[in-house]
Amino acid sequence: MPTDIPTQWLGYVAATLTTLSFVPQALLTLRTRQVEGISGGMYALFTLGVALWLAYGLRLGEWPIVLANAVTLVLAATILLTKLVISWRAR
């Protein structure tokens, strides 16, 4: 059953807001390289969860889920990789 237009737009607005919420953290992390307060375990689990949401959205063909999670995956993975690299170098 196709999704009605208002519901589809609700998904796009929700996806946009939650995805954009990661932009300031990603930019701050890249700019300052301060990762001490970031939990590597939390970001690893979160990044895996986002990847699974992306796969779920692809399976359903639901573009609000796909687009939001594709962008969020890039942002979360950027933060996670920055955390891992800086922590590894500090050893």
PDB file of N, CA and C in Angstrom:
ATOM      1  N   MET A   1       0.845  -1.180   0.000  1.00  0.00           N
ATOM      2  CA  MET A   1       0.000   0.000   0.000  1.00  0.00           C
ATOM      3  C   MET A   1       0.889   1.242   0.000  1.00  0.00           C
ATOM      4  N   PRO A   2       0.714   2.144  -0.968  1.00  0.00           N
ATOM      5  CA  PRO A   2       1.549   3.346  -1.029  1.00  0.00           C
ATOM      6  C   PRO A   2       1.310   4.265   0.166  1.00  0.00           C
ATOM      7  N   THR A   3       2.374   4.964   0.555  1.00  0.00           N
ATOM      8  CA  THR A   3       2.280   5.917   1.649  1.00  0.00           C
ATOM      9  C   THR A   3       1.621   7.194   1.146  1.00  0.00           C
ATOM     10  N   ASP A   4       0.714   7.761   1.953  1.00  0.00           N
ATOM     11  CA  ASP A   4       0.093   9.015   1.522  1.00  0.00           C
ATOM     12  C   ASP A   4       1.092  10.162   1.619  1.00  0.00           C
ATOM     13  N   ILE A   5       0.847  11.208   0.856  1.00  0.00           N
ATOM     14  CA  ILE A   5       1.788  12.330   0.726  1.00  0.00           C
ATOM     15  C   ILE A   5       2.088  13.020   2.061  1.00  0.00           C
ATOM     16  N   PRO A   6       1.100  13.364   2.912  1.00  0.00           N
ATOM     17  CA  PRO A   6       1.453  14.013   4.183  1.00  0.00           C
ATOM     18  C   PRO A   6       2.349  13.129   5.063  1.00  0.00           C
ATOM     19  N   THR A   7       2.111  11.845   5.064  1.00  0.00           N
ATOM     20  CA  THR A   7       2.938  10.942   5.853  1.00  0.00           C
ATOM     21  C   THR A   7       4.349  10.877   5.280  1.00  0.00           C
ATOM     22  N   GLN A   8       4.471  10.858   3.978  1.00  0.00           N
ATOM     23  CA  GLN A   8       5.783  10.843   3.323  1.00  0.00           C
ATOM     24  C   GLN A   8       6.562  12.101   3.695  1.00  0.00           C
ATOM     25  N   TRP A   9       5.911  13.251   3.657  1.00  0.00           N
ATOM     26  CA  TRP A   9       6.588  14.502   4.006  1.00  0.00           C
ATOM     27  C   TRP A   9       6.950  14.551   5.480  1.00  0.00           C
ATOM     28  N   LEU A  10       6.112  13.981   6.330  1.00  0.00           N
ATOM     29  CA  LEU A  10       6.424  13.883   7.753  1.00  0.00           C
ATOM     30  C   LEU A  10       7.733  13.112   7.926  1.00  0.00           C
ATOM     31  N   GLY A  11       7.881  12.033   7.173  1.00  0.00           N
ATOM     32  CA  GLY A  11       9.118  11.250   7.215  1.00  0.00           C
ATOM     33  C   GLY A  11      10.323  12.042   6.734  1.00  0.00           C
ATOM     34  N   TYR A  12      10.155  12.800   5.667  1.00  0.00           N
ATOM     35  CA  TYR A  12      11.272  13.611   5.164  1.00  0.00           C
ATOM     36  C   TYR A  12      11.676  14.698   6.157  1.00  0.00           C
ATOM     37  N   VAL A  13      10.708  15.354   6.787  1.00  0.00           N
ATOM     38  CA  VAL A  13      11.030  16.400   7.765  1.00  0.00           C
ATOM     39  C   VAL A  13      11.726  15.795   8.979  1.00  0.00           C
ATOM     40  N   ALA A  14      11.190  14.687   9.496  1.00  0.00           N
ATOM     41  CA  ALA A  14      11.810  14.021  10.644  1.00  0.00           C
ATOM     42  C   ALA A  14      13.226  13.563  10.299  1.00  0.00           C
ATOM     43  N   ALA A  15      13.385  12.979   9.133  1.00  0.00           N
ATOM     44  CA  ALA A  15      14.695  12.498   8.701  1.00  0.00           C
ATOM     45  C   ALA A  15      15.687  13.641   8.562  1.00  0.00           C
ATOM     46  N   THR A  16      15.247  14.752   8.005  1.00  0.00           N
ATOM     47  CA  THR A  16      16.119  15.912   7.832  1.00  0.00           C
ATOM     48  C   THR A  16      16.586  16.451   9.178  1.00  0.00           C
ATOM     49  N   LEU A  17      15.668  16.602  10.111  1.00  0.00           N
ATOM     50  CA  LEU A  17      16.027  17.160  11.416  1.00  0.00           C
ATOM     51  C   LEU A  17      16.973  16.248  12.189  1.00  0.00           C
ATOM     52  N   THR A  18      16.682  14.959  12.226  1.00  0.00           N
ATOM     53  CA  THR A  18      17.556  14.060  12.984  1.00  0.00           C
ATOM     54  C   THR A  18      18.925  13.925  12.324  1.00  0.00           C
ATOM     55  N   THR A  19      18.965  13.946  11.014  1.00  0.00           N
ATOM     56  CA  THR A  19      20.245  13.857  10.314  1.00  0.00           C
ATOM     57  C   THR A  19      21.062  15.121  10.514  1.00  0.00           C
ATOM     58  N   LEU A  20      20.425  16.270  10.377  1.00  0.00           N
ATOM     59  CA  LEU A  20      21.145  17.536  10.552  1.00  0.00           C
ATOM     60  C   LEU A  20      21.680  17.711  11.969  1.00  0.00           C
ATOM     61  N   SER A  21      21.073  17.039  12.941  1.00  0.00           N
ATOM     62  CA  SER A  21      21.542  17.167  14.317  1.00  0.00           C
ATOM     63  C   SER A  21      22.961  16.633  14.491  1.00  0.00           C
ATOM     64  N   PHE A  22      23.426  15.781  13.582  1.00  0.00           N
ATOM     65  CA  PHE A  22      24.776  15.239  13.669  1.00  0.00           C
ATOM     66  C   PHE A  22      25.822  16.148  13.042  1.00  0.00           C
ATOM     67  N   VAL A  23      25.428  17.068  12.219  1.00  0.00           N
ATOM     68  CA  VAL A  23      26.386  17.919  11.519  1.00  0.00           C
ATOM     69  C   VAL A  23      27.243  18.736  12.495  1.00  0.00           C
ATOM     70  N   PRO A  24      26.673  19.424  13.490  1.00  0.00           N
ATOM     71  CA  PRO A  24      27.534  20.194  14.393  1.00  0.00           C
ATOM     72  C   PRO A  24      28.560  19.329  15.130  1.00  0.00           C
ATOM     73  N   GLN A  25      28.163  18.132  15.577  1.00  0.00           N
ATOM     74  CA  GLN A  25      29.107  17.259  16.279  1.00  0.00           C
ATOM     75  C   GLN A  25      30.220  16.791  15.354  1.00  0.00           C
ATOM     76  N   ALA A  26      29.868  16.420  14.141  1.00  0.00           N
ATOM     77  CA  ALA A  26      30.881  15.968  13.187  1.00  0.00           C
ATOM     78  C   ALA A  26      31.861  17.096  12.872  1.00  0.00           C
ATOM     79  N   LEU A  27      31.341  18.299  12.631  1.00  0.00           N
ATOM     80  CA  LEU A  27      32.213  19.431  12.332  1.00  0.00           C
ATOM     81  C   LEU A  27      33.104  19.780  13.519  1.00  0.00           C
ATOM     82  N   LEU A  28      32.536  19.784  14.721  1.00  0.00           N
ATOM     83  CA  LEU A  28      33.308  20.088  15.921  1.00  0.00           C
ATOM     84  C   LEU A  28      34.408  19.046  16.133  1.00  0.00           C
ATOM     85  N   THR A  29      34.074  17.788  15.947  1.00  0.00           N
ATOM     86  CA  THR A  29      35.048  16.713  16.125  1.00  0.00           C
ATOM     87  C   THR A  29      36.185  16.840  15.118  1.00  0.00           C
ATOM     88  N   LEU A  30      35.843  17.112  13.872  1.00  0.00           N
ATOM     89  CA  LEU A  30      36.883  17.257  12.851  1.00  0.00           C
ATOM     90  C   LEU A  30      37.740  18.502  13.073  1.00  0.00           C
ATOM     91  N   ARG A  31      37.110  19.579  13.530  1.00  0.00           N
ATOM     92  CA  ARG A  31      37.837  20.835  13.721  1.00  0.00           C
ATOM     93  C   ARG A  31      38.756  20.787  14.939  1.00  0.00           C
ATOM     94  N   THR A  32      38.264  20.272  16.064  1.00  0.00           N
ATOM     95  CA  THR A  32      39.028  20.315  17.312  1.00  0.00           C
ATOM     96  C   THR A  32      39.842  19.056  17.574  1.00  0.00           C
ATOM     97  N   ARG A  33      39.436  17.951  16.976  1.00  0.00           N
ATOM     98  CA  ARG A  33      40.067  16.652  17.222  1.00  0.00           C
ATOM     99  C   ARG A  33      39.970  16.239  18.693  1.00  0.00           C
ATOM    100  N   GLN A  34      39.050  16.818  19.425  1.00  0.00           N
ATOM    101  CA  GLN A  34      38.842  16.455  20.825  1.00  0.00           C
ATOM    102  C   GLN A  34      37.784  15.358  20.884  1.00  0.00           C
ATOM    103  N   VAL A  35      38.225  14.166  21.256  1.00  0.00           N
ATOM    104  CA  VAL A  35      37.330  13.009  21.248  1.00  0.00           C
ATOM    105  C   VAL A  35      37.243  12.317  22.605  1.00  0.00           C
ATOM    106  N   GLU A  36      37.846  12.914  23.617  1.00  0.00           N
ATOM    107  CA  GLU A  36      37.885  12.277  24.930  1.00  0.00           C
ATOM    108  C   GLU A  36      36.481  12.027  25.486  1.00  0.00           C
ATOM    109  N   GLY A  37      35.557  12.914  25.215  1.00  0.00           N
ATOM    110  CA  GLY A  37      34.207  12.778  25.744  1.00  0.00           C
ATOM    111  C   GLY A  37      33.282  11.929  24.889  1.00  0.00           C
ATOM    112  N   ILE A  38      33.808  11.360  23.827  1.00  0.00           N
ATOM    113  CA  ILE A  38      32.989  10.551  22.927  1.00  0.00           C
ATOM    114  C   ILE A  38      33.212   9.077  23.246  1.00  0.00           C
ATOM    115  N   SER A  39      32.136   8.363  23.456  1.00  0.00           N
ATOM    116  CA  SER A  39      32.208   6.937  23.732  1.00  0.00           C
ATOM    117  C   SER A  39      32.362   6.163  22.422  1.00  0.00           C
ATOM    118  N   GLY A  40      33.505   5.508  22.262  1.00  0.00           N
ATOM    119  CA  GLY A  40      33.736   4.708  21.064  1.00  0.00           C
ATOM    120  C   GLY A  40      32.744   3.565  20.938  1.00  0.00           C
ATOM    121  N   GLY A  41      32.438   2.926  22.056  1.00  0.00           N
ATOM    122  CA  GLY A  41      31.468   1.826  22.043  1.00  0.00           C
ATOM    123  C   GLY A  41      30.089   2.276  21.616  1.00  0.00           C
ATOM    124  N   MET A  42      29.662   3.418  22.145  1.00  0.00           N
ATOM    125  CA  MET A  42      28.347   3.945  21.780  1.00  0.00           C
ATOM    126  C   MET A  42      28.306   4.273  20.299  1.00  0.00           C
ATOM    127  N   TYR A  43      29.346   4.937  19.801  1.00  0.00           N
ATOM    128  CA  TYR A  43      29.341   5.318  18.388  1.00  0.00           C
ATOM    129  C   TYR A  43      29.476   4.102  17.475  1.00  0.00           C
ATOM    130  N   ALA A  44      30.183   3.066  17.922  1.00  0.00           N
ATOM    131  CA  ALA A  44      30.280   1.840  17.119  1.00  0.00           C
ATOM    132  C   ALA A  44      28.901   1.187  17.000  1.00  0.00           C
ATOM    133  N   LEU A  45      28.200   1.059  18.116  1.00  0.00           N
ATOM    134  CA  LEU A  45      26.862   0.475  18.086  1.00  0.00           C
ATOM    135  C   LEU A  45      25.894   1.341  17.294  1.00  0.00           C
ATOM    136  N   PHE A  46      25.983   2.644  17.490  1.00  0.00           N
ATOM    137  CA  PHE A  46      25.088   3.556  16.775  1.00  0.00           C
ATOM    138  C   PHE A  46      25.324   3.477  15.269  1.00  0.00           C
ATOM    139  N   THR A  47      26.596   3.471  14.868  1.00  0.00           N
ATOM    140  CA  THR A  47      26.928   3.417  13.442  1.00  0.00           C
ATOM    141  C   THR A  47      26.436   2.112  12.823  1.00  0.00           C
ATOM    142  N   LEU A  48      26.608   1.012  13.532  1.00  0.00           N
ATOM    143  CA  LEU A  48      26.083  -0.265  13.047  1.00  0.00           C
ATOM    144  C   LEU A  48      24.561  -0.217  12.939  1.00  0.00           C
ATOM    145  N   GLY A  49      23.914   0.356  13.940  1.00  0.00           N
ATOM    146  CA  GLY A  49      22.452   0.486  13.905  1.00  0.00           C
ATOM    147  C   GLY A  49      21.977   1.321  12.727  1.00  0.00           C
ATOM    148  N   VAL A  50      22.666   2.410  12.453  1.00  0.00           N
ATOM    149  CA  VAL A  50      22.307   3.262  11.315  1.00  0.00           C
ATOM    150  C   VAL A  50      22.500   2.510  10.000  1.00  0.00           C
ATOM    151  N   ALA A  51      23.571   1.728   9.908  1.00  0.00           N
ATOM    152  CA  ALA A  51      23.797   0.928   8.702  1.00  0.00           C
ATOM    153  C   ALA A  51      22.650  -0.070   8.498  1.00  0.00           C
ATOM    154  N   LEU A  52      22.186  -0.652   9.587  1.00  0.00           N
ATOM    155  CA  LEU A  52      21.068  -1.591   9.489  1.00  0.00           C
ATOM    156  C   LEU A  52      19.765  -0.877   9.127  1.00  0.00           C
ATOM    157  N   TRP A  53      19.554   0.327   9.663  1.00  0.00           N
ATOM    158  CA  TRP A  53      18.382   1.116   9.271  1.00  0.00           C
ATOM    159  C   TRP A  53      18.435   1.450   7.786  1.00  0.00           C
ATOM    160  N   LEU A  54      19.621   1.749   7.299  1.00  0.00           N
ATOM    161  CA  LEU A  54      19.794   2.024   5.872  1.00  0.00           C
ATOM    162  C   LEU A  54      19.414   0.791   5.051  1.00  0.00           C
ATOM    163  N   ALA A  55      19.898  -0.368   5.464  1.00  0.00           N
ATOM    164  CA  ALA A  55      19.551  -1.610   4.757  1.00  0.00           C
ATOM    165  C   ALA A  55      18.040  -1.861   4.819  1.00  0.00           C
ATOM    166  N   TYR A  56      17.450  -1.605   5.953  1.00  0.00           N
ATOM    167  CA  TYR A  56      16.001  -1.769   6.129  1.00  0.00           C
ATOM    168  C   TYR A  56      15.245  -0.839   5.181  1.00  0.00           C
ATOM    169  N   GLY A  57      15.650   0.420   5.136  1.00  0.00           N
ATOM    170  CA  GLY A  57      15.010   1.382   4.245  1.00  0.00           C
ATOM    171  C   GLY A  57      15.143   0.987   2.785  1.00  0.00           C
ATOM    172  N   LEU A  58      16.319   0.463   2.423  1.00  0.00           N
ATOM    173  CA  LEU A  58      16.517  -0.002   1.051  1.00  0.00           C
ATOM    174  C   LEU A  58      15.595  -1.176   0.736  1.00  0.00           C
ATOM    175  N   ARG A  59      15.475  -2.103   1.672  1.00  0.00           N
ATOM    176  CA  ARG A  59      14.600  -3.261   1.452  1.00  0.00           C
ATOM    177  C   ARG A  59      13.144  -2.846   1.275  1.00  0.00           C
ATOM    178  N   LEU A  60      12.727  -1.815   2.030  1.00  0.00           N
ATOM    179  CA  LEU A  60      11.346  -1.337   1.934  1.00  0.00           C
ATOM    180  C   LEU A  60      11.141  -0.374   0.767  1.00  0.00           C
ATOM    181  N   GLY A  61      12.242   0.192   0.261  1.00  0.00           N
ATOM    182  CA  GLY A  61      12.127   1.211  -0.771  1.00  0.00           C
ATOM    183  C   GLY A  61      11.568   2.516  -0.225  1.00  0.00           C
ATOM    184  N   GLU A  62      11.830   2.784   1.047  1.00  0.00           N
ATOM    185  CA  GLU A  62      11.348   4.003   1.708  1.00  0.00           C
ATOM    186  C   GLU A  62      12.452   5.049   1.704  1.00  0.00           C
ATOM    187  N   TRP A  63      12.321   6.020   0.796  1.00  0.00           N
ATOM    188  CA  TRP A  63      13.396   6.986   0.587  1.00  0.00           C
ATOM    189  C   TRP A  63      13.671   7.906   1.759  1.00  0.00           C
ATOM    190  N   PRO A  64      12.689   8.292   2.582  1.00  0.00           N
ATOM    191  CA  PRO A  64      13.067   9.088   3.766  1.00  0.00           C
ATOM    192  C   PRO A  64      14.014   8.313   4.686  1.00  0.00           C
ATOM    193  N   ILE A  65      13.777   7.023   4.858  1.00  0.00           N
ATOM    194  CA  ILE A  65      14.642   6.192   5.697  1.00  0.00           C
ATOM    195  C   ILE A  65      16.003   6.026   5.042  1.00  0.00           C
ATOM    196  N   VAL A  66      16.019   5.777   3.758  1.00  0.00           N
ATOM    197  CA  VAL A  66      17.270   5.561   3.027  1.00  0.00           C
ATOM    198  C   VAL A  66      18.139   6.813   3.056  1.00  0.00           C
ATOM    199  N   LEU A  67      17.587   7.936   2.661  1.00  0.00           N
ATOM    200  CA  LEU A  67      18.375   9.169   2.569  1.00  0.00           C
ATOM    201  C   LEU A  67      18.897   9.613   3.926  1.00  0.00           C
ATOM    202  N   ALA A  68      18.033   9.605   4.925  1.00  0.00           N
ATOM    203  CA  ALA A  68      18.447  10.049   6.256  1.00  0.00           C
ATOM    204  C   ALA A  68      19.546   9.164   6.808  1.00  0.00           C
ATOM    205  N   ASN A  69      19.389   7.875   6.665  1.00  0.00           N
ATOM    206  CA  ASN A  69      20.376   6.968   7.240  1.00  0.00           C
ATOM    207  C   ASN A  69      21.658   6.914   6.435  1.00  0.00           C
ATOM    208  N   ALA A  70      21.605   7.162   5.148  1.00  0.00           N
ATOM    209  CA  ALA A  70      22.835   7.232   4.348  1.00  0.00           C
ATOM    210  C   ALA A  70      23.687   8.417   4.806  1.00  0.00           C
ATOM    211  N   VAL A  71      23.062   9.569   4.963  1.00  0.00           N
ATOM    212  CA  VAL A  71      23.801  10.757   5.412  1.00  0.00           C
ATOM    213  C   VAL A  71      24.257  10.587   6.858  1.00  0.00           C
ATOM    214  N   THR A  72      23.373  10.094   7.722  1.00  0.00           N
ATOM    215  CA  THR A  72      23.728   9.891   9.131  1.00  0.00           C
ATOM    216  C   THR A  72      24.858   8.881   9.264  1.00  0.00           C
ATOM    217  N   LEU A  73      24.853   7.856   8.421  1.00  0.00           N
ATOM    218  CA  LEU A  73      25.928   6.868   8.456  1.00  0.00           C
ATOM    219  C   LEU A  73      27.271   7.518   8.151  1.00  0.00           C
ATOM    220  N   VAL A  74      27.316   8.382   7.167  1.00  0.00           N
ATOM    221  CA  VAL A  74      28.569   9.073   6.835  1.00  0.00           C
ATOM    222  C   VAL A  74      29.029   9.938   8.008  1.00  0.00           C
ATOM    223  N   LEU A  75      28.105  10.678   8.598  1.00  0.00           N
ATOM    224  CA  LEU A  75      28.462  11.561   9.711  1.00  0.00           C
ATOM    225  C   LEU A  75      28.903  10.762  10.937  1.00  0.00           C
ATOM    226  N   ALA A  76      28.139   9.736  11.301  1.00  0.00           N
ATOM    227  CA  ALA A  76      28.477   8.933  12.476  1.00  0.00           C
ATOM    228  C   ALA A  76      29.788   8.178  12.260  1.00  0.00           C
ATOM    229  N   ALA A  77      29.984   7.642  11.067  1.00  0.00           N
ATOM    230  CA  ALA A  77      31.229   6.929  10.773  1.00  0.00           C
ATOM    231  C   ALA A  77      32.424   7.878  10.811  1.00  0.00           C
ATOM    232  N   THR A  78      32.230   9.117  10.382  1.00  0.00           N
ATOM    233  CA  THR A  78      33.294  10.114  10.446  1.00  0.00           C
ATOM    234  C   THR A  78      33.698  10.365  11.888  1.00  0.00           C
ATOM    235  N   ILE A  79      32.709  10.540  12.759  1.00  0.00           N
ATOM    236  CA  ILE A  79      32.987  10.766  14.177  1.00  0.00           C
ATOM    237  C   ILE A  79      33.667   9.535  14.779  1.00  0.00           C
ATOM    238  N   LEU A  80      33.138   8.348  14.480  1.00  0.00           N
ATOM    239  CA  LEU A  80      33.709   7.112  15.019  1.00  0.00           C
ATOM    240  C   LEU A  80      35.146   6.911  14.543  1.00  0.00           C
ATOM    241  N   LEU A  81      35.388   7.083  13.261  1.00  0.00           N
ATOM    242  CA  LEU A  81      36.748   6.892  12.743  1.00  0.00           C
ATOM    243  C   LEU A  81      37.722   7.917  13.306  1.00  0.00           C
ATOM    244  N   THR A  82      37.266   9.145  13.472  1.00  0.00           N
ATOM    245  CA  THR A  82      38.117  10.169  14.081  1.00  0.00           C
ATOM    246  C   THR A  82      38.465   9.763  15.505  1.00  0.00           C
ATOM    247  N   LYS A  83      37.469   9.303  16.255  1.00  0.00           N
ATOM    248  CA  LYS A  83      37.690   8.840  17.626  1.00  0.00           C
ATOM    249  C   LYS A  83      38.702   7.699  17.646  1.00  0.00           C
ATOM    250  N   LEU A  84      38.523   6.713  16.773  1.00  0.00           N
ATOM    251  CA  LEU A  84      39.409   5.550  16.766  1.00  0.00           C
ATOM    252  C   LEU A  84      40.838   5.921  16.376  1.00  0.00           C
ATOM    253  N   VAL A  85      40.990   6.747  15.352  1.00  0.00           N
ATOM    254  CA  VAL A  85      42.335   7.133  14.903  1.00  0.00           C
ATOM    255  C   VAL A  85      43.056   7.939  15.962  1.00  0.00           C
ATOM    256  N   ILE A  86      42.379   8.912  16.532  1.00  0.00           N
ATOM    257  CA  ILE A  86      43.035   9.755  17.554  1.00  0.00           C
ATOM    258  C   ILE A  86      43.354   8.947  18.797  1.00  0.00           C
ATOM    259  N   SER A  87      42.443   8.070  19.209  1.00  0.00           N
ATOM    260  CA  SER A  87      42.705   7.209  20.380  1.00  0.00           C
ATOM    261  C   SER A  87      43.862   6.267  20.110  1.00  0.00           C
ATOM    262  N   TRP A  88      43.934   5.720  18.902  1.00  0.00           N
ATOM    263  CA  TRP A  88      45.015   4.797  18.543  1.00  0.00           C
ATOM    264  C   TRP A  88      46.356   5.524  18.531  1.00  0.00           C
ATOM    265  N   ARG A  89      46.376   6.724  17.992  1.00  0.00           N
ATOM    266  CA  ARG A  89      47.630   7.493  17.931  1.00  0.00           C
ATOM    267  C   ARG A  89      48.107   7.910  19.308  1.00  0.00           C
ATOM    268  N   ALA A  90      47.181   8.079  20.262  1.00  0.00           N
ATOM    269  CA  ALA A  90      47.535   8.525  21.609  1.00  0.00           C
ATOM    270  C   ALA A  90      48.164   7.411  22.444  1.00  0.00           C
ATOM    271  N   ARG A  91      48.099   6.168  21.957  1.00  0.00           N
ATOM    272  CA  ARG A  91      48.659   5.044  22.723  1.00  0.00           C
ATOM    273  C   ARG A  91      50.149   5.073  22.745  1.00  0.00           C
TER     274      ARG A  91
END
